[in-house]
Amino acid sequence: MKTVSTSPLAILAAVVLVLAGCASASSSIARHDFGPPPEKARERARTFAISTLNSPEAAVVEFGDLAKAVMEAGRYRGEKTYYGWVQLLSVSVKNEHGERGAAKRWHIMFFEDGTLGNVTDMVDSGMVKIIAAPRARPEGKRA
């Protein structure tokens, strides 16, 4: 049986290449112009999420942050990187007795081309990375 030895120099070179790739991806994200947050993001995300329910009129929706996000589609989707905004929300439904069921968490992504989609599973798997939520305005200040 043949053994393969790897020199410390080869290992160092591989580590440098990997780190350079990570730094390049991070700087690419930092330089990307995500544009302004989508208009009516909460309303659009709510409409999208409750459209999947059997009883949309019984939905109770709570909103989380709206944040910049990046989706690495990987080799199964053409090695493309998608940029956009993600609205976090949770949806629960009241039953016939008025009791609220367990809330389901949603991440709705607004893509640069104006489309939107549920990327919750992709956030959980790491394919979609939440970059930054805009800072909250001080109390009493309105846009």
C-alpha atoms as a PDB file:
ATOM      1  CA  MET A   1       0.000   0.000   0.000  1.00  0.00           C
ATOM      2  CA  LYS A   2       1.337   3.394  -0.980  1.00  0.00           C
ATOM      3  CA  THR A   3       1.271   6.247   1.545  1.00  0.00           C
ATOM      4  CA  VAL A   4       0.890   9.812   0.483  1.00  0.00           C
ATOM      5  CA  SER A   5       2.726  12.451   2.434  1.00  0.00           C
ATOM      6  CA  THR A   6       1.735  16.052   2.244  1.00  0.00           C
ATOM      7  CA  SER A   7       4.318  18.695   2.855  1.00  0.00           C
ATOM      8  CA  PRO A   8       3.571  21.486   5.314  1.00  0.00           C
ATOM      9  CA  LEU A   9       4.093  23.957   2.466  1.00  0.00           C
ATOM     10  CA  ALA A  10       1.340  22.293   0.386  1.00  0.00           C
ATOM     11  CA  ILE A  11      -1.057  22.400   3.339  1.00  0.00           C
ATOM     12  CA  LEU A  12      -0.270  26.067   3.955  1.00  0.00           C
ATOM     13  CA  ALA A  13      -0.853  26.877   0.275  1.00  0.00           C
ATOM     14  CA  ALA A  14      -4.248  25.127   0.351  1.00  0.00           C
ATOM     15  CA  VAL A  15      -5.297  27.014   3.501  1.00  0.00           C
ATOM     16  CA  VAL A  16      -4.273  30.344   1.942  1.00  0.00           C
ATOM     17  CA  LEU A  17      -6.316  29.582  -1.189  1.00  0.00           C
ATOM     18  CA  VAL A  18      -9.406  28.699   0.842  1.00  0.00           C
ATOM     19  CA  LEU A  19      -9.095  31.822   2.985  1.00  0.00           C
ATOM     20  CA  ALA A  20      -8.587  33.992  -0.090  1.00  0.00           C
ATOM     21  CA  GLY A  21     -11.788  32.594  -1.597  1.00  0.00           C
ATOM     22  CA  CYS A  22     -13.735  33.351   1.594  1.00  0.00           C
ATOM     23  CA  ALA A  23     -12.354  36.879   1.759  1.00  0.00           C
ATOM     24  CA  SER A  24     -13.220  37.415  -1.895  1.00  0.00           C
ATOM     25  CA  ALA A  25     -16.820  36.278  -1.352  1.00  0.00           C
ATOM     26  CA  SER A  26     -17.187  38.507   1.722  1.00  0.00           C
ATOM     27  CA  SER A  27     -15.839  41.572  -0.070  1.00  0.00           C
ATOM     28  CA  SER A  28     -18.131  40.841  -3.030  1.00  0.00           C
ATOM     29  CA  ILE A  29     -21.122  40.862  -0.677  1.00  0.00           C
ATOM     30  CA  ALA A  30     -19.902  44.019   1.055  1.00  0.00           C
ATOM     31  CA  ARG A  31     -19.594  45.816  -2.300  1.00  0.00           C
ATOM     32  CA  HIS A  32     -22.961  44.667  -3.645  1.00  0.00           C
ATOM     33  CA  ASP A  33     -25.692  47.295  -3.813  1.00  0.00           C
ATOM     34  CA  PHE A  34     -28.818  45.638  -2.440  1.00  0.00           C
ATOM     35  CA  GLY A  35     -30.878  48.710  -3.234  1.00  0.00           C
ATOM     36  CA  PRO A  36     -33.566  50.062  -0.944  1.00  0.00           C
ATOM     37  CA  PRO A  37     -35.760  47.716   1.084  1.00  0.00           C
ATOM     38  CA  PRO A  38     -38.738  46.454  -0.929  1.00  0.00           C
ATOM     39  CA  GLU A  39     -41.877  48.554  -0.719  1.00  0.00           C
ATOM     40  CA  LYS A  40     -44.709  47.101   1.346  1.00  0.00           C
ATOM     41  CA  ALA A  41     -42.490  44.147   2.315  1.00  0.00           C
ATOM     42  CA  ARG A  42     -44.633  43.155   5.297  1.00  0.00           C
ATOM     43  CA  GLU A  43     -47.881  43.300   3.343  1.00  0.00           C
ATOM     44  CA  ARG A  44     -46.440  41.352   0.395  1.00  0.00           C
ATOM     45  CA  ALA A  45     -44.795  38.716   2.626  1.00  0.00           C
ATOM     46  CA  ARG A  46     -48.024  38.291   4.615  1.00  0.00           C
ATOM     47  CA  THR A  47     -50.095  37.860   1.449  1.00  0.00           C
ATOM     48  CA  PHE A  48     -47.603  35.320   0.100  1.00  0.00           C
ATOM     49  CA  ALA A  49     -47.493  33.276   3.328  1.00  0.00           C
ATOM     50  CA  ILE A  50     -51.221  33.149   4.057  1.00  0.00           C
ATOM     51  CA  SER A  51     -52.038  32.251   0.444  1.00  0.00           C
ATOM     52  CA  THR A  52     -50.782  28.751   1.295  1.00  0.00           C
ATOM     53  CA  LEU A  53     -53.261  28.275   4.156  1.00  0.00           C
ATOM     54  CA  ASN A  54     -56.630  26.527   4.041  1.00  0.00           C
ATOM     55  CA  SER A  55     -58.142  29.296   6.201  1.00  0.00           C
ATOM     56  CA  PRO A  56     -56.211  32.486   5.427  1.00  0.00           C
ATOM     57  CA  GLU A  57     -58.824  34.600   7.210  1.00  0.00           C
ATOM     58  CA  ALA A  58     -57.885  32.870  10.493  1.00  0.00           C
ATOM     59  CA  ALA A  59     -54.180  33.690  10.178  1.00  0.00           C
ATOM     60  CA  VAL A  60     -52.348  35.606  12.874  1.00  0.00           C
ATOM     61  CA  VAL A  61     -49.106  37.084  11.516  1.00  0.00           C
ATOM     62  CA  GLU A  62     -46.242  38.528  13.556  1.00  0.00           C
ATOM     63  CA  PHE A  63     -43.331  40.236  11.847  1.00  0.00           C
ATOM     64  CA  GLY A  64     -39.634  40.066  12.546  1.00  0.00           C
ATOM     65  CA  ASP A  65     -36.788  41.913  10.888  1.00  0.00           C
ATOM     66  CA  LEU A  66     -36.405  42.808   7.241  1.00  0.00           C
ATOM     67  CA  ALA A  67     -32.765  42.163   6.374  1.00  0.00           C
ATOM     68  CA  LYS A  68     -30.373  41.932   3.444  1.00  0.00           C
ATOM     69  CA  ALA A  69     -29.682  38.360   2.362  1.00  0.00           C
ATOM     70  CA  VAL A  70     -27.566  36.345  -0.051  1.00  0.00           C
ATOM     71  CA  MET A  71     -28.535  32.982  -1.531  1.00  0.00           C
ATOM     72  CA  GLU A  72     -25.785  30.713  -2.832  1.00  0.00           C
ATOM     73  CA  ALA A  73     -27.696  28.521  -5.274  1.00  0.00           C
ATOM     74  CA  GLY A  74     -24.889  26.020  -5.753  1.00  0.00           C
ATOM     75  CA  ARG A  75     -24.168  23.686  -8.589  1.00  0.00           C
ATOM     76  CA  TYR A  76     -27.741  22.436  -8.871  1.00  0.00           C
ATOM     77  CA  ARG A  77     -28.929  25.909  -9.827  1.00  0.00           C
ATOM     78  CA  GLY A  78     -26.143  27.136 -12.062  1.00  0.00           C
ATOM     79  CA  GLU A  79     -23.622  28.248  -9.427  1.00  0.00           C
ATOM     80  CA  LYS A  80     -25.458  31.564  -9.186  1.00  0.00           C
ATOM     81  CA  THR A  81     -25.548  33.959  -6.256  1.00  0.00           C
ATOM     82  CA  TYR A  82     -28.805  35.787  -5.611  1.00  0.00           C
ATOM     83  CA  TYR A  83     -29.047  39.006  -3.618  1.00  0.00           C
ATOM     84  CA  GLY A  84     -32.157  40.435  -2.019  1.00  0.00           C
ATOM     85  CA  TRP A  85     -34.041  41.171   1.156  1.00  0.00           C
ATOM     86  CA  VAL A  86     -35.652  38.696   3.559  1.00  0.00           C
ATOM     87  CA  GLN A  87     -38.710  39.417   5.687  1.00  0.00           C
ATOM     88  CA  LEU A  88     -38.994  37.202   8.760  1.00  0.00           C
ATOM     89  CA  LEU A  89     -42.493  36.430   9.973  1.00  0.00           C
ATOM     90  CA  SER A  90     -44.382  33.819  11.942  1.00  0.00           C
ATOM     91  CA  VAL A  91     -47.846  32.619  11.058  1.00  0.00           C
ATOM     92  CA  SER A  92     -50.322  30.817  13.272  1.00  0.00           C
ATOM     93  CA  VAL A  93     -53.956  30.018  12.675  1.00  0.00           C
ATOM     94  CA  LYS A  94     -56.853  30.265  15.099  1.00  0.00           C
ATOM     95  CA  ASN A  95     -59.035  27.170  15.313  1.00  0.00           C
ATOM     96  CA  GLU A  96     -62.851  27.141  15.487  1.00  0.00           C
ATOM     97  CA  HIS A  97     -62.647  27.788  19.267  1.00  0.00           C
ATOM     98  CA  GLY A  98     -60.516  30.904  18.758  1.00  0.00           C
ATOM     99  CA  GLU A  99     -57.367  29.251  20.102  1.00  0.00           C
ATOM    100  CA  ARG A 100     -54.117  29.919  18.366  1.00  0.00           C
ATOM    101  CA  GLY A 101     -52.145  26.991  17.023  1.00  0.00           C
ATOM    102  CA  ALA A 102     -48.371  26.731  16.979  1.00  0.00           C
ATOM    103  CA  ALA A 103     -46.674  29.451  14.951  1.00  0.00           C
ATOM    104  CA  LYS A 104     -44.742  28.534  11.840  1.00  0.00           C
ATOM    105  CA  ARG A 105     -41.638  30.610  11.044  1.00  0.00           C
ATOM    106  CA  TRP A 106     -41.235  31.934   7.489  1.00  0.00           C
ATOM    107  CA  HIS A 107     -38.419  33.693   5.636  1.00  0.00           C
ATOM    108  CA  ILE A 108     -39.753  35.392   2.506  1.00  0.00           C
ATOM    109  CA  MET A 109     -37.008  36.567   0.130  1.00  0.00           C
ATOM    110  CA  PHE A 110     -37.495  39.489  -2.237  1.00  0.00           C
ATOM    111  CA  PHE A 111     -35.136  38.958  -5.164  1.00  0.00           C
ATOM    112  CA  GLU A 112     -33.585  41.729  -7.263  1.00  0.00           C
ATOM    113  CA  ASP A 113     -35.878  40.927 -10.189  1.00  0.00           C
ATOM    114  CA  GLY A 114     -38.974  41.697  -8.080  1.00  0.00           C
ATOM    115  CA  THR A 115     -40.033  38.107  -7.431  1.00  0.00           C
ATOM    116  CA  LEU A 116     -40.349  36.608  -3.972  1.00  0.00           C
ATOM    117  CA  GLY A 117     -40.265  33.143  -2.493  1.00  0.00           C
ATOM    118  CA  ASN A 118     -40.234  31.123   0.705  1.00  0.00           C
ATOM    119  CA  VAL A 119     -36.566  30.438   1.558  1.00  0.00           C
ATOM    120  CA  THR A 120     -37.095  29.196   5.141  1.00  0.00           C
ATOM    121  CA  ASP A 121     -35.555  25.773   4.491  1.00  0.00           C
ATOM    122  CA  MET A 122     -32.619  27.397   2.685  1.00  0.00           C
ATOM    123  CA  VAL A 123     -31.960  29.699   5.653  1.00  0.00           C
ATOM    124  CA  ASP A 124     -32.007  26.665   7.955  1.00  0.00           C
ATOM    125  CA  SER A 125     -29.566  24.777   5.690  1.00  0.00           C
ATOM    126  CA  GLY A 126     -27.198  27.741   5.282  1.00  0.00           C
ATOM    127  CA  MET A 127     -27.847  28.338   1.563  1.00  0.00           C
ATOM    128  CA  VAL A 128     -29.368  31.722   2.406  1.00  0.00           C
ATOM    129  CA  LYS A 129     -27.356  33.964   4.670  1.00  0.00           C
ATOM    130  CA  ILE A 130     -28.920  36.902   6.453  1.00  0.00           C
ATOM    131  CA  ILE A 131     -26.460  39.787   6.161  1.00  0.00           C
ATOM    132  CA  ALA A 132     -27.767  42.717   8.156  1.00  0.00           C
ATOM    133  CA  ALA A 133     -30.997  44.221   9.358  1.00  0.00           C
ATOM    134  CA  PRO A 134     -31.316  48.000   8.996  1.00  0.00           C
ATOM    135  CA  ARG A 135     -30.861  49.810  12.261  1.00  0.00           C
ATOM    136  CA  ALA A 136     -34.081  50.732  14.020  1.00  0.00           C
ATOM    137  CA  ARG A 137     -35.083  54.380  14.044  1.00  0.00           C
ATOM    138  CA  PRO A 138     -34.961  56.107  17.435  1.00  0.00           C
ATOM    139  CA  GLU A 139     -38.311  56.289  19.258  1.00  0.00           C
ATOM    140  CA  GLY A 140     -40.469  59.163  18.123  1.00  0.00           C
ATOM    141  CA  LYS A 141     -38.788  59.527  14.705  1.00  0.00           C
ATOM    142  CA  ARG A 142     -40.813  58.642  11.643  1.00  0.00           C
ATOM    143  CA  ALA A 143     -39.822  58.325   8.033  1.00  0.00           C
END
